[in-house]
Amino acid sequence: MVKMKPAPNACAERNRLPAFIGLLSRSTPTPKYPRIHDSRMACCREAPRVNIGRSMTNPVAVEVLRNGRIESVHPGAIAVCDAQGQLRLAVGDVKTPIFPRSALKPIQALTLVETGAADAFAVTGEELALACASHNGEAKHIAVATDWLARLELDARALACGPHWSLSEPVTLAMARTGSEPSAIHNNCSGKHAGMLTTARHVGVDVEGYEAPDHPVQIKIGETISDLTDHDLDVAGPAVDGFSAPAYAVPLCGLARAFSQLSHLNSNSDARALASQRVTSAMFANPFLVAGTDRYCTNVIEAGEGRVLVKTGAEGMMVAALPEIGVGVAVKIDDGARRPTETAMATIFLEIGGLAERTRNTLRKYAAATTRNWRGQVVGMIRAASGFPS
């Protein structure tokens, strides 16, 4: 197996975390935290028995109420890092490696830019946003992906992600009515895979097998993930994600660190900073392409007016970057549900403050969302648990 560049773990042991609101002070001195090396991985070749210790130690992050009574709860963990990459808030277990899944796409997209592939193939802002996307497979998404592949002299058959129906029910129903079937271009990860193919074309390596862990493109992506998360990925090797690409496990604190660096680097002028700025600017300029109609990422990025970047991942994952203050946030909901990640992240944004009223109005809809029955009657709500996220 090809070795990744080792990196020490960035998770910090802390006896007591400061108040969450204090995180925004730029004048706060960088604390001296002892460092640990925690190389536990959840993606071992021989799968261990389920470790219930992690979920049992995580506090309830989100609760679902019906008629004022708690009907169900969602435990989870949160990590927040500042512009220096220091852990400023930890709720639950932020040190055990977890799979970020599609939440890593903006980090993976850096390789497309840093290798020069984006320039060599004139990758547009729309295409770069699609490389970071978990999209609905709507007409605009399909058009951008199709044109991009055509420039590479490729088509849907080159994509290793496989086909699936749209994440949008109206789109799926419309396709079914016409007898259409999805191709790999409809896959929500088709943009990411197009980016990997572009990189392979540019660096002069075989596009066949581009998704394999030992392919040069994946090795470079892995090195970037390791560098930004400050975590050694080479403990047990990657798993495979839902769409055939390598899936690495990293600690939640490392993921928050990566997104704090992704946003903070925008103020610098080195190659990574420029690549970071290009990726984040593409997402800010094209929020629809990042997800689609009625999707959380699109709605929050649009309402955030260039101040809030958010990306979902499968199995209860979500990350965010706030470039103005260089803050990165990572959320993991233990049971893998999507709905509570939206509630948790919206609550965190509202706690941070300093956002425009339009942004806050959008976030409030997710932070305390009503639930309705099939007649449209309000029967309950989903909200952050008492005391969350402190």
Protein backbone atom coordinates (compact mmCIF):
# COMPACT_ATOMS: atom_id res chain seq x y z
CA MET A 1 0.00 0.00 0.00
CA VAL A 2 1.25 3.48 -0.85
CA LYS A 3 2.26 5.43 2.22
CA MET A 4 0.77 8.79 3.01
CA LYS A 5 2.84 11.53 4.54
CA PRO A 6 2.60 11.12 8.33
CA ALA A 7 1.35 14.03 10.35
CA PRO A 8 0.86 14.42 14.11
CA ASN A 9 -2.67 14.53 15.41
CA ALA A 10 -3.98 18.03 16.11
CA CYS A 11 -6.54 17.11 18.76
CA ALA A 12 -5.92 18.87 22.03
CA GLU A 13 -6.68 17.67 25.55
CA ARG A 14 -8.45 20.36 27.50
CA ASN A 15 -9.78 20.30 31.03
CA ARG A 16 -12.25 23.08 30.41
CA LEU A 17 -13.27 24.82 27.21
CA PRO A 18 -13.94 28.57 27.07
CA ALA A 19 -17.42 29.93 26.50
CA PHE A 20 -18.49 29.46 22.91
CA ILE A 21 -19.09 33.13 22.28
CA GLY A 22 -15.49 33.91 23.25
CA LEU A 23 -14.33 32.14 20.15
CA LEU A 24 -14.85 35.19 17.96
CA SER A 25 -12.26 37.38 19.64
CA ARG A 26 -9.31 37.74 17.29
CA SER A 27 -7.21 39.07 20.14
CA THR A 28 -7.51 35.87 22.17
CA PRO A 29 -3.96 34.52 22.64
CA THR A 30 -3.25 31.09 21.23
CA PRO A 31 -3.46 28.67 24.18
CA LYS A 32 -0.74 26.14 24.88
CA TYR A 33 -2.44 22.77 24.70
CA PRO A 34 -0.68 19.44 25.18
CA ARG A 35 -0.74 17.39 22.00
CA ILE A 36 -1.54 13.72 21.70
CA HIS A 37 -1.10 11.18 18.92
CA ASP A 38 -4.36 9.32 18.51
CA SER A 39 -4.09 7.08 15.47
CA ARG A 40 -7.20 4.97 16.03
CA MET A 41 -9.01 4.34 12.79
CA ALA A 42 -12.56 3.18 12.20
CA CYS A 43 -11.76 1.69 8.79
CA CYS A 44 -9.67 -1.35 9.72
CA ARG A 45 -9.37 -4.18 7.24
CA GLU A 46 -10.80 -6.55 9.85
CA ALA A 47 -13.87 -4.72 11.07
CA PRO A 48 -14.00 -4.59 14.89
CA ARG A 49 -17.17 -4.99 16.88
CA VAL A 50 -19.19 -1.82 17.08
CA ASN A 51 -17.72 0.46 19.72
CA ILE A 52 -20.79 1.73 21.55
CA GLY A 53 -18.56 3.77 23.83
CA ARG A 54 -18.41 6.66 21.38
CA SER A 55 -22.14 7.08 20.92
CA MET A 56 -22.84 6.47 24.59
CA THR A 57 -20.47 9.24 25.66
CA ASN A 58 -21.77 11.82 23.22
CA PRO A 59 -24.45 14.12 24.60
CA VAL A 60 -27.85 14.60 23.06
CA ALA A 61 -27.43 17.31 20.44
CA VAL A 62 -30.92 17.45 18.93
CA GLU A 63 -34.34 16.39 20.17
CA VAL A 64 -37.65 15.80 18.43
CA LEU A 65 -40.78 16.86 20.31
CA ARG A 66 -44.44 15.95 19.89
CA ASN A 67 -47.01 17.88 21.92
CA GLY A 68 -44.19 19.19 24.09
CA ARG A 69 -42.82 15.75 24.95
CA ILE A 70 -39.50 14.41 23.73
CA GLU A 71 -40.21 11.69 21.18
CA SER A 72 -36.67 10.94 20.02
CA VAL A 73 -33.14 12.25 20.48
CA HIS A 74 -29.98 12.44 18.39
CA PRO A 75 -26.63 12.28 20.22
CA GLY A 76 -23.68 13.84 18.47
CA ALA A 77 -20.36 15.63 18.64
CA ILE A 78 -19.11 19.06 17.59
CA ALA A 79 -15.66 20.52 17.05
CA VAL A 80 -14.87 24.18 16.42
CA CYS A 81 -11.38 25.40 15.50
CA ASP A 82 -10.10 28.95 15.23
CA ALA A 83 -7.96 30.61 12.58
CA GLN A 84 -4.79 29.17 14.13
CA GLY A 85 -6.19 25.65 13.88
CA GLN A 86 -6.63 25.42 17.64
CA LEU A 87 -9.59 23.57 19.10
CA ARG A 88 -11.87 26.12 20.76
CA LEU A 89 -15.00 24.07 21.42
CA ALA A 90 -15.42 20.33 21.79
CA VAL A 91 -18.75 18.69 22.56
CA GLY A 92 -18.63 14.91 22.79
CA ASP A 93 -15.92 12.72 21.31
CA VAL A 94 -13.99 14.74 18.74
CA LYS A 95 -10.86 12.56 18.72
CA THR A 96 -12.05 9.18 17.46
CA PRO A 97 -11.71 9.13 13.66
CA ILE A 98 -14.97 9.23 11.73
CA PHE A 99 -15.76 9.22 8.02
CA PRO A 100 -16.50 12.77 6.78
CA ARG A 101 -17.85 11.34 3.52
CA SER A 102 -18.91 14.10 1.10
CA ALA A 103 -18.11 16.79 3.64
CA LEU A 104 -14.51 16.41 2.42
CA LYS A 105 -15.27 17.42 -1.17
CA PRO A 106 -14.01 21.03 -0.90
CA ILE A 107 -10.71 19.67 0.47
CA GLN A 108 -10.52 17.06 -2.29
CA ALA A 109 -11.16 19.77 -4.89
CA LEU A 110 -7.98 21.59 -3.87
CA THR A 111 -5.94 19.00 -5.77
CA LEU A 112 -7.73 19.91 -8.99
CA VAL A 113 -6.50 23.50 -8.57
CA GLU A 114 -3.09 22.91 -6.97
CA THR A 115 -1.90 20.55 -9.70
CA GLY A 116 -2.68 23.11 -12.39
CA ALA A 117 -5.37 20.89 -13.89
CA ALA A 118 -8.10 23.50 -13.40
CA ASP A 119 -6.12 26.06 -15.40
CA ALA A 120 -4.97 23.59 -18.06
CA PHE A 121 -8.55 22.56 -18.83
CA ALA A 122 -10.12 25.99 -18.24
CA VAL A 123 -12.30 24.70 -15.40
CA THR A 124 -14.98 27.30 -14.73
CA GLY A 125 -16.30 28.48 -11.39
CA GLU A 126 -19.48 26.51 -12.05
CA GLU A 127 -17.49 23.35 -12.67
CA LEU A 128 -15.35 23.87 -9.59
CA ALA A 129 -18.49 24.32 -7.48
CA LEU A 130 -19.82 21.08 -8.96
CA ALA A 131 -16.59 19.34 -7.94
CA CYS A 132 -17.51 20.24 -4.34
CA ALA A 133 -21.15 19.26 -4.74
CA SER A 134 -23.56 16.60 -3.61
CA HIS A 135 -26.02 17.75 -6.24
CA ASN A 136 -29.63 16.95 -7.09
CA GLY A 137 -28.98 15.97 -10.68
CA GLU A 138 -31.18 18.80 -11.92
CA ALA A 139 -30.90 20.11 -15.48
CA LYS A 140 -28.22 22.67 -14.62
CA HIS A 141 -26.09 20.10 -12.80
CA ILE A 142 -26.34 17.68 -15.71
CA ALA A 143 -25.47 20.35 -18.28
CA VAL A 144 -22.36 21.51 -16.41
CA ALA A 145 -21.11 17.96 -15.85
CA THR A 146 -21.78 16.92 -19.45
CA ASP A 147 -19.95 19.91 -20.95
CA TRP A 148 -17.02 19.38 -18.59
CA LEU A 149 -16.60 15.73 -19.53
CA ALA A 150 -16.91 16.56 -23.22
CA ARG A 151 -13.92 18.89 -22.91
CA LEU A 152 -11.97 15.93 -21.57
CA GLU A 153 -13.21 13.86 -24.54
CA LEU A 154 -15.04 11.63 -22.05
CA ASP A 155 -18.64 10.82 -21.18
CA ALA A 156 -20.64 9.26 -18.34
CA ARG A 157 -19.01 5.87 -18.94
CA ALA A 158 -15.71 7.23 -17.61
CA LEU A 159 -17.23 8.05 -14.21
CA ALA A 160 -16.57 5.39 -11.58
CA CYS A 161 -19.28 6.71 -9.25
CA GLY A 162 -22.12 4.72 -10.83
CA PRO A 163 -25.68 5.92 -11.56
CA HIS A 164 -28.45 6.71 -9.12
CA TRP A 165 -31.76 8.53 -9.21
CA SER A 166 -31.84 12.21 -8.32
CA LEU A 167 -31.80 13.27 -4.68
CA SER A 168 -34.77 15.46 -5.63
CA GLU A 169 -38.11 13.64 -5.71
CA PRO A 170 -39.62 15.98 -8.34
CA VAL A 171 -36.64 15.38 -10.64
CA THR A 172 -36.86 11.62 -10.18
CA LEU A 173 -40.61 11.61 -10.88
CA ALA A 174 -40.14 13.75 -13.98
CA MET A 175 -37.51 11.35 -15.32
CA ALA A 176 -39.66 8.32 -14.55
CA ARG A 177 -42.65 9.81 -16.39
CA THR A 178 -40.59 10.09 -19.56
CA GLY A 179 -39.08 6.63 -19.18
CA SER A 180 -35.61 8.08 -18.62
CA GLU A 181 -33.05 6.27 -16.53
CA PRO A 182 -30.18 7.93 -14.67
CA SER A 183 -26.57 7.72 -15.79
CA ALA A 184 -23.46 8.30 -13.71
CA ILE A 185 -23.75 12.00 -14.56
CA HIS A 186 -26.93 12.10 -12.42
CA ASN A 187 -24.91 10.80 -9.47
CA ASN A 188 -24.59 13.51 -6.83
CA CYS A 189 -20.81 12.99 -6.86
CA SER A 190 -20.32 13.28 -10.63
CA GLY A 191 -18.64 16.67 -10.29
CA LYS A 192 -16.07 15.34 -7.83
CA HIS A 193 -15.28 12.47 -10.16
CA ALA A 194 -15.03 14.80 -13.16
CA GLY A 195 -12.48 16.78 -11.17
CA MET A 196 -10.45 13.64 -10.48
CA LEU A 197 -10.53 12.70 -14.17
CA THR A 198 -9.38 16.22 -15.08
CA THR A 199 -6.45 15.93 -12.70
CA ALA A 200 -5.49 12.54 -14.12
CA ARG A 201 -5.59 13.90 -17.66
CA HIS A 202 -3.42 16.88 -16.70
CA VAL A 203 -0.70 15.01 -14.82
CA GLY A 204 -0.47 12.44 -17.59
CA VAL A 205 -1.59 9.31 -15.80
CA ASP A 206 -4.14 6.70 -16.82
CA VAL A 207 -7.74 7.75 -16.26
CA GLU A 208 -8.66 4.09 -15.87
CA GLY A 209 -8.74 3.21 -12.20
CA TYR A 210 -8.52 6.86 -11.12
CA GLU A 211 -10.66 5.99 -8.08
CA ALA A 212 -8.20 3.40 -6.69
CA PRO A 213 -6.38 4.32 -3.45
CA ASP A 214 -2.96 3.78 -5.05
CA HIS A 215 -3.70 5.93 -8.11
CA PRO A 216 -1.50 9.07 -8.22
CA VAL A 217 -4.54 11.36 -8.10
CA GLN A 218 -5.86 9.70 -4.93
CA ILE A 219 -2.42 9.73 -3.33
CA LYS A 220 -2.19 13.49 -3.86
CA ILE A 221 -5.70 14.01 -2.48
CA GLY A 222 -4.84 11.90 0.55
CA GLU A 223 -1.73 13.97 1.23
CA THR A 224 -3.82 17.14 1.15
CA ILE A 225 -6.38 15.68 3.57
CA SER A 226 -3.59 14.55 5.90
CA ASP A 227 -1.91 17.95 5.79
CA LEU A 228 -5.02 20.03 6.48
CA THR A 229 -6.48 17.73 9.15
CA ASP A 230 -3.03 17.24 10.74
CA HIS A 231 -3.73 13.52 10.93
CA ASP A 232 -1.84 10.45 9.72
CA LEU A 233 -4.10 8.66 7.25
CA ASP A 234 -1.80 5.68 6.80
CA VAL A 235 -2.74 3.72 9.90
CA ALA A 236 -5.07 1.23 8.23
CA GLY A 237 -5.67 2.62 4.76
CA PRO A 238 -8.90 3.99 3.35
CA ALA A 239 -12.34 2.47 3.16
CA VAL A 240 -14.45 2.88 0.02
CA ASP A 241 -17.16 5.52 -0.11
CA GLY A 242 -20.61 5.06 -1.60
CA PHE A 243 -19.34 6.09 -5.02
CA SER A 244 -16.11 4.08 -5.26
CA ALA A 245 -13.52 6.70 -4.23
CA PRO A 246 -11.31 6.29 -1.13
CA ALA A 247 -12.98 7.26 2.16
CA TYR A 248 -10.57 8.24 4.90
CA ALA A 249 -11.38 8.49 8.58
CA VAL A 250 -10.18 11.57 10.45
CA PRO A 251 -10.99 12.99 13.90
CA LEU A 252 -13.77 15.54 14.06
CA CYS A 253 -11.33 18.06 15.51
CA GLY A 254 -9.03 17.52 12.52
CA LEU A 255 -11.92 18.11 10.15
CA ALA A 256 -12.82 21.37 11.90
CA ARG A 257 -9.16 22.36 11.69
CA ALA A 258 -9.11 21.69 7.94
CA PHE A 259 -12.08 23.97 7.35
CA SER A 260 -10.71 26.69 9.61
CA GLN A 261 -7.55 26.59 7.49
CA LEU A 262 -9.54 26.44 4.25
CA SER A 263 -11.23 29.71 5.14
CA HIS A 264 -8.35 31.44 6.95
CA LEU A 265 -5.90 30.76 4.13
CA ASN A 266 -7.90 33.08 1.92
CA SER A 267 -5.99 36.00 3.42
CA ASN A 268 -2.58 34.62 2.42
CA SER A 269 -0.86 34.52 -0.95
CA ASP A 270 0.81 31.10 -1.15
CA ALA A 271 -0.31 28.38 -3.56
CA ARG A 272 -2.63 26.63 -1.13
CA ALA A 273 -4.20 29.90 -0.08
CA LEU A 274 -4.89 30.79 -3.70
CA ALA A 275 -6.35 27.35 -4.37
CA SER A 276 -8.48 27.65 -1.24
CA GLN A 277 -9.76 31.04 -2.30
CA ARG A 278 -10.64 29.73 -5.74
CA VAL A 279 -12.58 26.77 -4.34
CA THR A 280 -14.50 28.72 -1.71
CA SER A 281 -15.23 31.58 -4.13
CA ALA A 282 -16.68 29.09 -6.62
CA MET A 283 -18.99 27.68 -3.96
CA PHE A 284 -20.08 31.13 -2.81
CA ALA A 285 -20.76 32.23 -6.39
CA ASN A 286 -22.67 29.07 -7.37
CA PRO A 287 -24.64 27.83 -4.36
CA PHE A 288 -27.24 26.11 -6.52
CA LEU A 289 -24.59 23.88 -8.07
CA VAL A 290 -23.34 22.81 -4.61
CA ALA A 291 -26.67 21.07 -3.90
CA GLY A 292 -29.86 22.27 -5.60
CA THR A 293 -33.50 23.19 -5.10
CA ASP A 294 -34.72 23.11 -1.48
CA ARG A 295 -31.36 21.84 -0.21
CA TYR A 296 -29.77 23.00 3.04
CA CYS A 297 -26.33 23.80 1.62
CA THR A 298 -27.74 25.88 -1.22
CA ASN A 299 -30.20 27.75 1.00
CA VAL A 300 -27.68 28.58 3.73
CA ILE A 301 -24.87 29.60 1.36
CA GLU A 302 -27.29 31.83 -0.56
CA ALA A 303 -28.59 33.44 2.63
CA GLY A 304 -25.08 33.72 4.07
CA GLU A 305 -24.06 36.42 1.60
CA GLY A 306 -20.49 35.17 1.29
CA ARG A 307 -19.95 34.74 5.03
CA VAL A 308 -21.09 31.15 5.61
CA LEU A 309 -19.90 28.08 3.72
CA VAL A 310 -21.47 24.73 4.56
CA LYS A 311 -21.19 21.21 3.15
CA THR A 312 -23.10 18.08 4.09
CA GLY A 313 -21.86 14.51 4.13
CA ALA A 314 -23.59 11.16 4.42
CA GLU A 315 -24.28 9.49 7.77
CA GLY A 316 -24.92 12.61 9.81
CA MET A 317 -21.92 14.70 8.75
CA MET A 318 -21.71 18.43 8.17
CA VAL A 319 -18.87 20.95 8.03
CA ALA A 320 -18.74 24.72 7.77
CA ALA A 321 -16.27 27.54 7.28
CA LEU A 322 -16.68 31.18 8.21
CA PRO A 323 -13.94 32.93 6.20
CA GLU A 324 -14.26 36.35 7.83
CA ILE A 325 -13.14 34.99 11.19
CA GLY A 326 -11.25 31.90 10.06
CA VAL A 327 -13.48 29.47 11.95
CA GLY A 328 -14.12 25.85 11.00
CA VAL A 329 -16.97 23.73 12.38
CA ALA A 330 -17.58 19.99 12.12
CA VAL A 331 -20.70 18.13 13.30
CA LYS A 332 -21.30 14.38 13.49
CA ILE A 333 -24.68 12.95 14.49
CA ASP A 334 -24.20 9.44 15.84
CA ASP A 335 -27.23 7.77 14.26
CA GLY A 336 -26.34 9.08 10.80
CA ALA A 337 -29.54 11.08 10.31
CA ARG A 338 -29.44 14.15 8.08
CA ARG A 339 -32.17 16.28 9.67
CA PRO A 340 -30.46 16.80 13.05
CA THR A 341 -27.20 17.88 11.40
CA GLU A 342 -29.07 20.78 9.83
CA THR A 343 -30.59 21.74 13.17
CA ALA A 344 -27.27 21.45 15.01
CA MET A 345 -25.29 23.51 12.50
CA ALA A 346 -27.95 26.22 12.27
CA THR A 347 -27.96 26.50 16.07
CA ILE A 348 -24.18 26.89 16.12
CA PHE A 349 -24.31 29.66 13.52
CA LEU A 350 -26.96 31.51 15.52
CA GLU A 351 -24.82 31.23 18.66
CA ILE A 352 -21.83 32.70 16.86
CA GLY A 353 -23.79 35.80 15.95
CA GLY A 354 -22.68 38.67 13.72
CA LEU A 355 -24.68 37.41 10.75
CA ALA A 356 -27.12 39.45 8.70
CA GLU A 357 -30.81 39.25 9.59
CA ARG A 358 -31.63 37.55 6.29
CA THR A 359 -29.09 34.87 7.13
CA ARG A 360 -30.42 34.46 10.65
CA ASN A 361 -34.01 34.14 9.40
CA THR A 362 -32.99 31.25 7.16
CA LEU A 363 -31.07 29.60 9.98
CA ARG A 364 -33.98 29.93 12.42
CA LYS A 365 -36.12 27.80 10.10
CA TYR A 366 -33.65 24.95 10.55
CA ALA A 367 -32.73 25.55 14.19
CA ALA A 368 -36.33 25.13 15.36
CA ALA A 369 -38.25 23.41 12.57
CA THR A 370 -41.89 22.45 12.97
CA THR A 371 -43.07 18.97 12.08
CA ARG A 372 -46.43 18.38 10.42
CA ASN A 373 -48.70 15.42 9.79
CA TRP A 374 -50.12 14.47 6.39
CA ARG A 375 -53.00 16.95 6.86
CA GLY A 376 -50.53 19.79 7.31
CA GLN A 377 -51.19 20.20 11.02
CA VAL A 378 -48.25 21.24 13.19
CA VAL A 379 -47.67 18.32 15.56
CA GLY A 380 -44.23 19.01 16.99
CA MET A 381 -40.78 20.37 16.35
CA ILE A 382 -37.11 19.51 16.09
CA ARG A 383 -34.66 21.66 18.02
CA ALA A 384 -31.26 21.68 19.69
CA ALA A 385 -31.18 20.01 23.09
CA SER A 386 -31.07 22.20 26.18
CA GLY A 387 -27.57 23.57 26.72
CA PHE A 388 -26.38 22.71 23.21
CA PRO A 389 -23.76 23.50 21.94
CA SER A 390 -21.94 24.58 25.09
